[in-house]
Amino acid sequence: MDWQTYTALGVVAITLAIFVHSLFFKKKSKTSCGHNCGCGSNKKP
């Protein structure tokens, strides 16, 4: 195998790792942004 094959396999492996990571570690809060951006989601009534 040449270096291009190894590089392509590396890119596929990294993409697969990111995909699997995003499946197992989803965001905990889907209703608010969770940051101090001023969008109004963190205000108390």
N, C-alpha and C. Protein backbone atom coordinates (compact mmCIF):
# COMPACT_ATOMS: atom_id res chain seq x y z
N MET A 1 0.84 -1.19 0.00
CA MET A 1 0.00 0.00 0.00
C MET A 1 0.88 1.25 0.00
N ASP A 2 0.39 2.28 -0.65
CA ASP A 2 1.16 3.52 -0.69
C ASP A 2 0.63 4.50 0.36
N TRP A 3 1.24 5.65 0.42
CA TRP A 3 0.90 6.63 1.47
C TRP A 3 -0.51 7.18 1.29
N GLN A 4 -1.03 7.22 0.08
CA GLN A 4 -2.38 7.75 -0.14
C GLN A 4 -3.43 6.82 0.44
N THR A 5 -3.20 5.56 0.38
CA THR A 5 -4.13 4.59 0.97
C THR A 5 -4.16 4.74 2.48
N TYR A 6 -3.00 4.87 3.09
CA TYR A 6 -2.94 5.06 4.53
C TYR A 6 -3.59 6.37 4.95
N THR A 7 -3.40 7.42 4.17
CA THR A 7 -4.01 8.70 4.47
C THR A 7 -5.53 8.62 4.36
N ALA A 8 -6.03 7.97 3.32
CA ALA A 8 -7.47 7.82 3.15
C ALA A 8 -8.08 7.00 4.29
N LEU A 9 -7.41 5.93 4.67
CA LEU A 9 -7.89 5.13 5.80
C LEU A 9 -7.88 5.93 7.10
N GLY A 10 -6.88 6.78 7.27
CA GLY A 10 -6.82 7.63 8.46
C GLY A 10 -7.96 8.63 8.51
N VAL A 11 -8.28 9.22 7.37
CA VAL A 11 -9.39 10.18 7.31
C VAL A 11 -10.72 9.48 7.61
N VAL A 12 -10.89 8.29 7.06
CA VAL A 12 -12.12 7.53 7.33
C VAL A 12 -12.20 7.15 8.80
N ALA A 13 -11.09 6.75 9.39
CA ALA A 13 -11.08 6.37 10.80
C ALA A 13 -11.39 7.55 11.70
N ILE A 14 -10.85 8.72 11.39
CA ILE A 14 -11.12 9.91 12.19
C ILE A 14 -12.59 10.31 12.07
N THR A 15 -13.14 10.25 10.86
CA THR A 15 -14.54 10.58 10.66
C THR A 15 -15.44 9.60 11.40
N LEU A 16 -15.12 8.33 11.37
CA LEU A 16 -15.89 7.33 12.08
C LEU A 16 -15.82 7.56 13.59
N ALA A 17 -14.66 7.91 14.10
CA ALA A 17 -14.51 8.17 15.53
C ALA A 17 -15.34 9.37 15.95
N ILE A 18 -15.37 10.42 15.15
CA ILE A 18 -16.18 11.59 15.47
C ILE A 18 -17.66 11.23 15.45
N PHE A 19 -18.08 10.44 14.47
CA PHE A 19 -19.48 10.03 14.37
C PHE A 19 -19.89 9.20 15.58
N VAL A 20 -19.08 8.24 15.96
CA VAL A 20 -19.40 7.39 17.12
C VAL A 20 -19.41 8.22 18.39
N HIS A 21 -18.47 9.14 18.52
CA HIS A 21 -18.44 10.01 19.70
C HIS A 21 -19.70 10.86 19.79
N SER A 22 -20.17 11.38 18.67
CA SER A 22 -21.37 12.22 18.69
C SER A 22 -22.61 11.39 18.99
N LEU A 23 -22.61 10.11 18.70
CA LEU A 23 -23.75 9.26 19.04
C LEU A 23 -23.83 9.01 20.54
N PHE A 24 -22.69 8.78 21.17
CA PHE A 24 -22.68 8.43 22.58
C PHE A 24 -22.69 9.64 23.51
N PHE A 25 -22.16 10.77 23.08
CA PHE A 25 -22.08 11.94 23.93
C PHE A 25 -22.89 13.08 23.32
N LYS A 26 -24.21 12.96 23.45
CA LYS A 26 -25.09 13.99 22.92
C LYS A 26 -25.17 15.16 23.89
N LYS A 27 -25.67 16.28 23.39
CA LYS A 27 -25.84 17.44 24.25
C LYS A 27 -26.86 17.13 25.32
N LYS A 28 -26.63 17.63 26.52
CA LYS A 28 -27.52 17.34 27.63
C LYS A 28 -28.77 18.21 27.60
N SER A 29 -28.66 19.41 27.12
CA SER A 29 -29.80 20.32 27.11
C SER A 29 -30.10 20.72 25.67
N LYS A 30 -31.32 20.42 25.23
CA LYS A 30 -31.68 20.75 23.86
C LYS A 30 -32.59 21.97 23.78
N THR A 31 -33.03 22.49 24.93
CA THR A 31 -33.97 23.61 24.92
C THR A 31 -33.27 24.95 25.04
N SER A 32 -32.10 24.99 25.63
CA SER A 32 -31.39 26.26 25.78
C SER A 32 -29.97 26.14 25.26
N CYS A 33 -29.39 27.28 24.97
CA CYS A 33 -28.04 27.26 24.42
C CYS A 33 -27.00 26.93 25.48
N GLY A 34 -27.28 27.27 26.75
CA GLY A 34 -26.37 26.94 27.83
C GLY A 34 -25.20 27.88 27.97
N HIS A 35 -25.20 28.97 27.21
CA HIS A 35 -24.10 29.92 27.28
C HIS A 35 -24.63 31.29 27.65
N ASN A 36 -23.75 32.18 27.91
CA ASN A 36 -24.12 33.53 28.31
C ASN A 36 -24.17 34.42 27.06
N CYS A 37 -25.07 34.09 26.12
CA CYS A 37 -25.10 34.79 24.85
C CYS A 37 -26.15 35.91 24.83
N GLY A 38 -27.02 35.94 25.84
CA GLY A 38 -28.04 36.98 25.88
C GLY A 38 -29.29 36.63 25.09
N CYS A 39 -29.51 35.36 24.80
CA CYS A 39 -30.67 34.98 24.00
C CYS A 39 -31.95 34.92 24.82
N GLY A 40 -31.86 34.99 26.12
CA GLY A 40 -33.05 35.00 26.97
C GLY A 40 -33.42 33.63 27.52
N SER A 41 -32.70 32.60 27.18
CA SER A 41 -33.06 31.28 27.66
C SER A 41 -32.63 31.04 29.10
N ASN A 42 -31.74 31.86 29.62
CA ASN A 42 -31.24 31.68 30.98
C ASN A 42 -31.95 32.58 32.00
N LYS A 43 -32.90 33.38 31.56
CA LYS A 43 -33.59 34.30 32.46
C LYS A 43 -34.59 33.55 33.31
N LYS A 44 -34.69 33.95 34.58
CA LYS A 44 -35.68 33.35 35.49
C LYS A 44 -36.97 34.14 35.40
N PRO A 45 -38.11 33.47 35.51
CA PRO A 45 -39.40 34.19 35.43
C PRO A 45 -39.68 35.05 36.64
